[in-house]
C-alpha atoms as a PDB file:
ATOM      1  CA  MET A   1     108.462  51.611  38.799  1.00  0.00           C
ATOM      2  CA  LYS A   2     106.231  53.595  41.103  1.00  0.00           C
ATOM      3  CA  LEU A   3     105.994  52.905  44.820  1.00  0.00           C
ATOM      4  CA  SER A   4     102.673  53.146  46.591  1.00  0.00           C
ATOM      5  CA  GLN A   5     102.180  55.857  49.158  1.00  0.00           C
ATOM      6  CA  LYS A   6     101.897  53.092  51.741  1.00  0.00           C
ATOM      7  CA  ALA A   7     105.370  51.767  50.809  1.00  0.00           C
ATOM      8  CA  GLU A   8     106.863  55.264  50.892  1.00  0.00           C
ATOM      9  CA  TYR A   9     105.388  55.993  54.329  1.00  0.00           C
ATOM     10  CA  ALA A  10     106.510  52.596  55.629  1.00  0.00           C
ATOM     11  CA  LEU A  11     110.053  53.237  54.456  1.00  0.00           C
ATOM     12  CA  ARG A  12     110.040  56.715  56.001  1.00  0.00           C
ATOM     13  CA  ALA A  13     108.819  55.291  59.318  1.00  0.00           C
ATOM     14  CA  MET A  14     111.422  52.519  59.245  1.00  0.00           C
ATOM     15  CA  ILE A  15     114.236  54.968  58.494  1.00  0.00           C
ATOM     16  CA  HIS A  16     112.969  57.144  61.333  1.00  0.00           C
ATOM     17  CA  LEU A  17     113.073  54.169  63.698  1.00  0.00           C
ATOM     18  CA  ALA A  18     116.555  53.237  62.481  1.00  0.00           C
ATOM     19  CA  ARG A  19     117.791  56.784  63.127  1.00  0.00           C
ATOM     20  CA  GLU A  20     116.232  56.840  66.586  1.00  0.00           C
ATOM     21  CA  SER A  21     117.292  53.321  67.584  1.00  0.00           C
ATOM     22  CA  ALA A  22     120.498  54.567  69.232  1.00  0.00           C
ATOM     23  CA  GLY A  23     118.373  55.973  72.069  1.00  0.00           C
ATOM     24  CA  GLY A  24     116.913  52.539  72.696  1.00  0.00           C
ATOM     25  CA  GLY A  25     113.421  53.732  73.574  1.00  0.00           C
ATOM     26  CA  ALA A  26     110.264  52.937  71.689  1.00  0.00           C
ATOM     27  CA  ARG A  27     108.814  55.663  69.478  1.00  0.00           C
ATOM     28  CA  PRO A  28     105.059  56.300  69.634  1.00  0.00           C
ATOM     29  CA  ALA A  29     103.224  56.373  66.313  1.00  0.00           C
ATOM     30  CA  THR A  30     102.034  59.896  67.133  1.00  0.00           C
ATOM     31  CA  GLN A  31     105.631  61.099  67.391  1.00  0.00           C
ATOM     32  CA  ILE A  32     106.728  59.355  64.198  1.00  0.00           C
ATOM     33  CA  ALA A  33     103.735  60.821  62.360  1.00  0.00           C
ATOM     34  CA  LYS A  34     104.519  64.300  63.651  1.00  0.00           C
ATOM     35  CA  ASP A  35     108.259  64.135  62.935  1.00  0.00           C
ATOM     36  CA  GLU A  36     107.808  62.673  59.453  1.00  0.00           C
ATOM     37  CA  GLU A  37     104.664  64.679  58.613  1.00  0.00           C
ATOM     38  CA  LEU A  38     102.602  61.560  57.958  1.00  0.00           C
ATOM     39  CA  PRO A  39      98.875  60.997  58.566  1.00  0.00           C
ATOM     40  CA  GLU A  40      98.675  59.327  61.975  1.00  0.00           C
ATOM     41  CA  LYS A  41      95.791  56.909  61.316  1.00  0.00           C
ATOM     42  CA  PHE A  42      97.353  55.684  58.070  1.00  0.00           C
ATOM     43  CA  LEU A  43     100.733  55.333  59.780  1.00  0.00           C
ATOM     44  CA  GLU A  44      99.168  53.245  62.563  1.00  0.00           C
ATOM     45  CA  GLN A  45      97.810  50.833  59.929  1.00  0.00           C
ATOM     46  CA  ILE A  46     101.209  50.687  58.244  1.00  0.00           C
ATOM     47  CA  LEU A  47     103.006  50.033  61.539  1.00  0.00           C
ATOM     48  CA  SER A  48     100.524  47.261  62.294  1.00  0.00           C
ATOM     49  CA  ASP A  49     101.315  45.666  58.919  1.00  0.00           C
ATOM     50  CA  LEU A  50     105.054  46.042  59.545  1.00  0.00           C
ATOM     51  CA  ARG A  51     104.612  44.373  62.942  1.00  0.00           C
ATOM     52  CA  LYS A  52     102.737  41.455  61.370  1.00  0.00           C
ATOM     53  CA  GLN A  53     105.578  41.110  58.848  1.00  0.00           C
ATOM     54  CA  GLY A  54     108.109  40.954  61.691  1.00  0.00           C
ATOM     55  CA  LEU A  55     109.867  44.218  60.829  1.00  0.00           C
ATOM     56  CA  VAL A  56     108.877  46.210  63.921  1.00  0.00           C
ATOM     57  CA  LYS A  57     108.001  45.383  67.521  1.00  0.00           C
ATOM     58  CA  SER A  58     105.421  47.255  69.517  1.00  0.00           C
ATOM     59  CA  ARG A  59     105.157  47.913  73.228  1.00  0.00           C
ATOM     60  CA  ARG A  60     102.108  49.189  75.081  1.00  0.00           C
ATOM     61  CA  GLY A  61     101.987  51.561  77.981  1.00  0.00           C
ATOM     62  CA  ALA A  62     103.353  54.921  79.004  1.00  0.00           C
ATOM     63  CA  VAL A  63     106.764  54.175  77.501  1.00  0.00           C
ATOM     64  CA  GLY A  64     105.259  52.227  74.615  1.00  0.00           C
ATOM     65  CA  GLY A  65     105.683  52.631  70.928  1.00  0.00           C
ATOM     66  CA  TYR A  66     107.574  50.982  68.100  1.00  0.00           C
ATOM     67  CA  ASN A  67     111.104  49.709  67.616  1.00  0.00           C
ATOM     68  CA  LEU A  68     112.789  47.907  64.761  1.00  0.00           C
ATOM     69  CA  ALA A  69     112.528  44.138  65.174  1.00  0.00           C
ATOM     70  CA  ARG A  70     116.178  43.803  64.113  1.00  0.00           C
ATOM     71  CA  ALA A  71     119.082  46.188  63.826  1.00  0.00           C
ATOM     72  CA  GLY A  72     118.830  48.692  60.957  1.00  0.00           C
ATOM     73  CA  GLY A  73     121.804  47.018  59.302  1.00  0.00           C
ATOM     74  CA  LYS A  74     119.834  43.765  59.121  1.00  0.00           C
ATOM     75  CA  ILE A  75     116.678  45.157  57.454  1.00  0.00           C
ATOM     76  CA  THR A  76     116.805  45.864  53.741  1.00  0.00           C
ATOM     77  CA  VAL A  77     114.826  48.412  51.793  1.00  0.00           C
ATOM     78  CA  GLY A  78     113.551  45.520  49.676  1.00  0.00           C
ATOM     79  CA  GLU A  79     112.027  43.810  52.724  1.00  0.00           C
ATOM     80  CA  VAL A  80     110.107  46.947  53.661  1.00  0.00           C
ATOM     81  CA  LEU A  81     108.872  47.614  50.129  1.00  0.00           C
ATOM     82  CA  ARG A  82     107.759  44.018  49.588  1.00  0.00           C
ATOM     83  CA  ALA A  83     106.008  43.967  52.971  1.00  0.00           C
ATOM     84  CA  MET A  84     103.801  46.796  51.717  1.00  0.00           C
ATOM     85  CA  ASP A  85     103.499  46.241  47.962  1.00  0.00           C
ATOM     86  CA  GLY A  86     104.437  42.633  47.281  1.00  0.00           C
ATOM     87  CA  PRO A  87     106.721  41.966  44.283  1.00  0.00           C
ATOM     88  CA  LEU A  88     108.611  45.067  43.182  1.00  0.00           C
ATOM     89  CA  VAL A  89     108.416  44.644  39.427  1.00  0.00           C
ATOM     90  CA  PRO A  90     105.208  43.303  37.933  1.00  0.00           C
ATOM     91  CA  ARG A  91     105.585  40.350  35.656  1.00  0.00           C
ATOM     92  CA  LEU A  92     104.768  40.952  32.018  1.00  0.00           C
ATOM     93  CA  GLU A  93     101.415  39.282  31.545  1.00  0.00           C
ATOM     94  CA  VAL A  94     100.830  38.002  28.041  1.00  0.00           C
ATOM     95  CA  SER A  95      97.803  36.004  26.996  1.00  0.00           C
ATOM     96  CA  ALA A  96      98.404  32.372  26.078  1.00  0.00           C
ATOM     97  CA  ALA A  97      97.263  33.063  22.518  1.00  0.00           C
ATOM     98  CA  ARG A  98     100.063  35.578  22.002  1.00  0.00           C
ATOM     99  CA  SER A  99     102.778  33.920  24.044  1.00  0.00           C
ATOM    100  CA  GLY A 100     104.107  31.537  21.420  1.00  0.00           C
ATOM    101  CA  SER A 101     107.835  31.352  20.829  1.00  0.00           C
ATOM    102  CA  ALA A 102     107.374  32.881  17.350  1.00  0.00           C
ATOM    103  CA  ASN A 103     106.646  36.310  18.804  1.00  0.00           C
ATOM    104  CA  LEU A 104     110.145  37.731  19.210  1.00  0.00           C
ATOM    105  CA  THR A 105     108.846  41.119  20.367  1.00  0.00           C
ATOM    106  CA  LEU A 106     107.180  39.562  23.409  1.00  0.00           C
ATOM    107  CA  GLN A 107     110.306  37.554  24.162  1.00  0.00           C
ATOM    108  CA  CYS A 108     112.289  40.803  24.077  1.00  0.00           C
ATOM    109  CA  LEU A 109     109.827  42.468  26.453  1.00  0.00           C
ATOM    110  CA  ARG A 110     110.073  39.545  28.861  1.00  0.00           C
ATOM    111  CA  LEU A 111     113.852  39.856  28.796  1.00  0.00           C
ATOM    112  CA  VAL A 112     113.642  43.580  29.596  1.00  0.00           C
ATOM    113  CA  TRP A 113     111.239  42.894  32.469  1.00  0.00           C
ATOM    114  CA  ARG A 114     113.492  40.180  33.901  1.00  0.00           C
ATOM    115  CA  LYS A 115     116.550  42.436  33.716  1.00  0.00           C
ATOM    116  CA  LEU A 116     114.627  45.261  35.399  1.00  0.00           C
ATOM    117  CA  ALA A 117     113.471  42.944  38.168  1.00  0.00           C
ATOM    118  CA  VAL A 118     117.003  41.671  38.779  1.00  0.00           C
ATOM    119  CA  GLY A 119     118.457  45.203  38.757  1.00  0.00           C
ATOM    120  CA  ILE A 120     115.882  46.707  41.085  1.00  0.00           C
ATOM    121  CA  SER A 121     116.016  43.757  43.455  1.00  0.00           C
ATOM    122  CA  GLY A 122     119.801  43.922  43.455  1.00  0.00           C
ATOM    123  CA  VAL A 123     119.726  47.515  44.634  1.00  0.00           C
ATOM    124  CA  VAL A 124     116.984  47.349  47.265  1.00  0.00           C
ATOM    125  CA  ASP A 125     118.038  43.956  48.623  1.00  0.00           C
ATOM    126  CA  ASN A 126     121.588  45.178  49.223  1.00  0.00           C
ATOM    127  CA  LEU A 127     120.639  48.503  50.777  1.00  0.00           C
ATOM    128  CA  THR A 128     119.861  48.478  54.484  1.00  0.00           C
ATOM    129  CA  LEU A 129     118.155  51.072  56.628  1.00  0.00           C
ATOM    130  CA  GLN A 130     121.505  51.665  58.326  1.00  0.00           C
ATOM    131  CA  ASP A 131     123.186  52.229  54.944  1.00  0.00           C
ATOM    132  CA  LEU A 132     120.671  54.989  54.231  1.00  0.00           C
ATOM    133  CA  CYS A 133     121.148  56.598  57.630  1.00  0.00           C
ATOM    134  CA  ASP A 134     124.932  56.459  57.379  1.00  0.00           C
ATOM    135  CA  THR A 135     125.035  57.898  53.859  1.00  0.00           C
ATOM    136  CA  VAL A 136     122.786  60.830  54.682  1.00  0.00           C
ATOM    137  CA  GLU A 137     124.639  61.485  57.923  1.00  0.00           C
ATOM    138  CA  GLU A 138     128.023  61.443  56.165  1.00  0.00           C
ATOM    139  CA  GLN A 139     127.077  63.370  53.035  1.00  0.00           C
ATOM    140  CA  GLY A 140     124.047  65.350  54.224  1.00  0.00           C
ATOM    141  CA  ALA A 141     123.144  68.243  51.977  1.00  0.00           C
ATOM    142  CA  ALA A 142     125.941  67.316  49.539  1.00  0.00           C
ATOM    143  CA  LEU A 143     123.936  64.335  48.251  1.00  0.00           C
ATOM    144  CA  ASP A 144     123.070  64.520  44.566  1.00  0.00           C
ATOM    145  CA  TYR A 145     119.397  63.643  44.172  1.00  0.00           C
ATOM    146  CA  SER A 146     119.256  64.074  40.396  1.00  0.00           C
ATOM    147  CA  ILE A 147     118.448  61.029  38.339  1.00  0.00           C
END
């Protein structure tokens, strides 16, 4: 599974907002872009999409910017990814001519795809922004990023 750049940037912005939420103030898009080294114009589009999906709130003015719409412990990684990319695992598309029950290979592929979808969804739907922040804060540089 490969995430779009838009989904990656959205998740980075949301994690940033979750980390900064303790201060209570809104974070301007320009500051998020600078801190996370993201292209500002693209980030503004992403934040607008996240706002429309109900994941962030925006405030105008001198103290304006963006905040999470809910606490970081109430927003899952899966919500953010789906808000940007739609379903996480594409369904295996098989033409009607080849989809008969006699084709055991295709049935096997469908089973693999279903199991992948359930596994991926299980991880991202049970992992909140706060979980990510807490884990990195607790373990920091000791995290093992190897796959």
